[in-house]
Amino acid sequence: MLRLFLKILKTGVVTERFKKPKDDELERLGIEIKRHIDKKFSGSIAIREVDAGSCNGCELEIHALNNPYYDIERFGIHFVASPRHADVLLVTGPVSRNMQTALLRTYEATPNPKWVVAVGDCAACGGEFGVSYASCGAVSNVIPVDVVIPGCPPTPLALMTGLLGLIR
């Protein structure tokens, strides 16, 4: 163990410093989102993300919104663990028959006023899965949808643009 600590001390830090890249489109979108959120929601909006049966491509892009590059929380958008604390439900994937009841319960547990955003092509129209014995298809077949963000998967900037359209 002592040998390991000595090696660490001798080697030092071997990673490079992270320099945040400047992205004008991201900053413009973020500032506009923050302005609308401050005006209409007193500073923040809470989102509950629900995977209704997706391939996880959309989830990876949604999770990217919280990484240091996009850092969507600085604009007043927070992801919450409970639908009881959410203003927005972000639903991905075609709704599988096994998730239909869970999605309905999540929708009912979300306090009014609430918005539902269908993220990705599968959530918008069922994608290649459509309606079958195992799939209800689009999210709108199960719960009312306010905004659809297309893409397979949509980029984080497309997600931010869709959320801005919802907030407007």
Protein backbone atom coordinates (compact mmCIF):
# COMPACT_ATOMS: atom_id res chain seq x y z
CA MET A 1 0.00 0.00 0.00
CA LEU A 2 2.83 2.38 0.89
CA ARG A 3 4.47 1.64 -2.45
CA LEU A 4 1.25 2.65 -4.24
CA PHE A 5 1.05 5.98 -2.37
CA LEU A 6 4.71 6.73 -3.17
CA LYS A 7 4.07 6.02 -6.84
CA ILE A 8 1.08 8.40 -6.82
CA LEU A 9 3.15 11.13 -5.16
CA LYS A 10 6.00 10.61 -7.62
CA THR A 11 3.77 10.59 -10.73
CA GLY A 12 1.60 13.58 -9.83
CA VAL A 13 -1.42 14.75 -11.81
CA VAL A 14 -1.42 13.33 -15.34
CA THR A 15 -4.68 14.73 -16.70
CA GLU A 16 -5.01 17.85 -18.79
CA ARG A 17 -6.86 20.91 -17.61
CA PHE A 18 -10.37 21.25 -18.97
CA LYS A 19 -10.97 24.42 -20.94
CA LYS A 20 -14.65 25.06 -21.51
CA PRO A 21 -15.26 25.64 -25.22
CA LYS A 22 -17.21 28.71 -26.25
CA ASP A 23 -20.42 27.94 -28.07
CA ASP A 24 -22.40 31.03 -29.05
CA GLU A 25 -25.56 29.11 -29.98
CA LEU A 26 -25.61 27.35 -26.60
CA GLU A 27 -25.14 30.61 -24.71
CA ARG A 28 -27.82 32.40 -26.74
CA LEU A 29 -30.34 29.60 -26.16
CA GLY A 30 -29.46 29.37 -22.48
CA ILE A 31 -29.82 33.08 -21.85
CA GLU A 32 -33.19 33.14 -23.60
CA ILE A 33 -34.38 30.10 -21.62
CA LYS A 34 -33.23 31.71 -18.37
CA ARG A 35 -35.03 34.96 -19.22
CA HIS A 36 -38.34 33.14 -19.85
CA ILE A 37 -37.97 30.95 -16.76
CA ASP A 38 -37.22 33.95 -14.54
CA LYS A 39 -40.28 35.77 -15.86
CA LYS A 40 -42.81 32.90 -15.79
CA PHE A 41 -41.53 30.48 -13.12
CA SER A 42 -39.73 32.64 -10.56
CA GLY A 43 -36.30 31.28 -11.33
CA SER A 44 -36.48 27.54 -12.00
CA ILE A 45 -38.41 24.74 -13.64
CA ALA A 46 -38.37 21.07 -12.59
CA ILE A 47 -38.28 18.19 -15.09
CA ARG A 48 -38.95 14.51 -14.47
CA GLU A 49 -37.55 12.27 -17.20
CA VAL A 50 -39.45 9.02 -17.90
CA ASP A 51 -38.07 6.20 -20.05
CA ALA A 52 -41.16 4.47 -21.42
CA GLY A 53 -39.28 1.80 -23.37
CA SER A 54 -36.57 3.50 -25.40
CA CYS A 55 -33.19 2.26 -26.63
CA ASN A 56 -31.49 4.83 -24.30
CA GLY A 57 -30.17 6.97 -27.15
CA CYS A 58 -32.40 9.87 -26.10
CA GLU A 59 -31.46 9.39 -22.44
CA LEU A 60 -27.78 9.79 -23.28
CA GLU A 61 -28.51 13.14 -24.92
CA ILE A 62 -30.73 14.20 -22.01
CA HIS A 63 -28.00 13.27 -19.54
CA ALA A 64 -25.54 15.30 -21.61
CA LEU A 65 -27.59 18.39 -20.70
CA ASN A 66 -26.23 18.06 -17.16
CA ASN A 67 -22.56 17.63 -18.08
CA PRO A 68 -20.07 20.52 -17.62
CA TYR A 69 -20.30 21.55 -21.28
CA TYR A 70 -24.07 22.18 -21.45
CA ASP A 71 -24.71 22.61 -17.69
CA ILE A 72 -28.41 23.29 -18.13
CA GLU A 73 -28.90 23.86 -14.40
CA ARG A 74 -27.21 27.26 -14.67
CA PHE A 75 -30.18 28.34 -16.79
CA GLY A 76 -32.74 27.29 -14.15
CA ILE A 77 -33.73 23.84 -15.42
CA HIS A 78 -33.48 21.11 -12.80
CA PHE A 79 -34.10 17.38 -13.07
CA VAL A 80 -36.03 15.91 -10.14
CA ALA A 81 -36.48 12.35 -8.91
CA SER A 82 -40.20 12.53 -8.14
CA PRO A 83 -43.07 13.45 -10.44
CA ARG A 84 -44.67 15.19 -7.44
CA HIS A 85 -41.98 17.88 -7.70
CA ALA A 86 -42.08 18.21 -11.50
CA ASP A 87 -43.48 20.86 -13.80
CA VAL A 88 -42.58 18.96 -16.98
CA LEU A 89 -42.55 15.25 -17.89
CA LEU A 90 -39.89 14.42 -20.48
CA VAL A 91 -40.92 11.05 -21.98
CA THR A 92 -38.69 8.99 -24.28
CA GLY A 93 -39.31 5.90 -26.34
CA PRO A 94 -42.40 4.13 -27.59
CA VAL A 95 -44.59 3.28 -24.62
CA SER A 96 -44.23 -0.42 -23.96
CA ARG A 97 -47.27 -2.25 -22.60
CA ASN A 98 -45.33 -2.88 -19.38
CA MET A 99 -44.71 0.86 -18.91
CA GLN A 100 -48.21 2.06 -19.82
CA THR A 101 -49.57 1.89 -16.27
CA ALA A 102 -46.39 3.37 -14.77
CA LEU A 103 -46.53 6.29 -17.22
CA LEU A 104 -50.20 6.93 -16.43
CA ARG A 105 -49.45 6.90 -12.69
CA THR A 106 -46.52 9.25 -13.17
CA TYR A 107 -48.71 11.61 -15.21
CA GLU A 108 -51.41 11.56 -12.52
CA ALA A 109 -48.85 12.15 -9.75
CA THR A 110 -47.51 15.27 -11.46
CA PRO A 111 -49.24 18.38 -10.07
CA ASN A 112 -51.20 20.73 -12.32
CA PRO A 113 -50.30 22.69 -14.36
CA LYS A 114 -48.07 20.14 -16.08
CA TRP A 115 -46.57 19.75 -19.50
CA VAL A 116 -45.56 16.60 -21.35
CA VAL A 117 -42.71 16.57 -23.85
CA ALA A 118 -42.26 13.58 -26.17
CA VAL A 119 -38.54 13.28 -26.92
CA GLY A 120 -37.33 11.47 -30.03
CA ASP A 121 -38.96 9.89 -33.04
CA CYS A 122 -40.10 6.81 -31.11
CA ALA A 123 -41.97 8.94 -28.56
CA ALA A 124 -43.46 11.06 -31.35
CA CYS A 125 -44.87 8.30 -33.56
CA GLY A 126 -43.81 4.94 -32.17
CA GLY A 127 -40.78 4.76 -34.46
CA GLU A 128 -40.06 1.42 -36.01
CA PHE A 129 -41.96 -0.30 -33.20
CA GLY A 130 -45.35 1.30 -33.87
CA VAL A 131 -48.39 -0.19 -32.17
CA SER A 132 -48.20 -3.92 -31.49
CA TYR A 133 -48.87 -6.50 -28.82
CA ALA A 134 -45.83 -5.19 -26.90
CA SER A 135 -46.03 -1.46 -27.65
CA CYS A 136 -48.65 1.28 -27.32
CA GLY A 137 -46.67 3.32 -29.85
CA ALA A 138 -46.43 7.08 -29.43
CA VAL A 139 -46.65 8.76 -26.03
CA SER A 140 -49.73 10.65 -27.25
CA ASN A 141 -51.59 7.30 -27.44
CA VAL A 142 -51.32 7.07 -23.64
CA ILE A 143 -51.16 10.62 -22.24
CA PRO A 144 -51.68 14.09 -23.78
CA VAL A 145 -48.49 15.59 -25.26
CA ASP A 146 -47.80 19.33 -25.40
CA VAL A 147 -44.52 19.40 -27.36
CA VAL A 148 -42.68 16.91 -29.55
CA ILE A 149 -38.90 17.14 -29.99
CA PRO A 150 -38.02 15.09 -33.10
CA GLY A 151 -34.74 13.34 -33.78
CA CYS A 152 -33.16 9.95 -33.35
CA PRO A 153 -31.81 10.95 -30.91
CA PRO A 154 -32.26 14.73 -30.71
CA THR A 155 -29.09 16.64 -29.87
CA PRO A 156 -28.80 18.53 -26.59
CA LEU A 157 -29.21 21.81 -28.51
CA ALA A 158 -32.40 20.46 -30.11
CA LEU A 159 -33.63 19.50 -26.64
CA MET A 160 -32.91 23.00 -25.36
CA THR A 161 -34.67 24.53 -28.38
CA GLY A 162 -37.71 22.30 -27.75
CA LEU A 163 -37.79 23.26 -24.08
CA LEU A 164 -37.56 26.92 -25.04
CA GLY A 165 -40.55 26.43 -27.37
CA LEU A 166 -42.47 24.85 -24.51
CA ILE A 167 -41.63 27.66 -22.08
CA ARG A 168 -42.63 30.34 -24.57
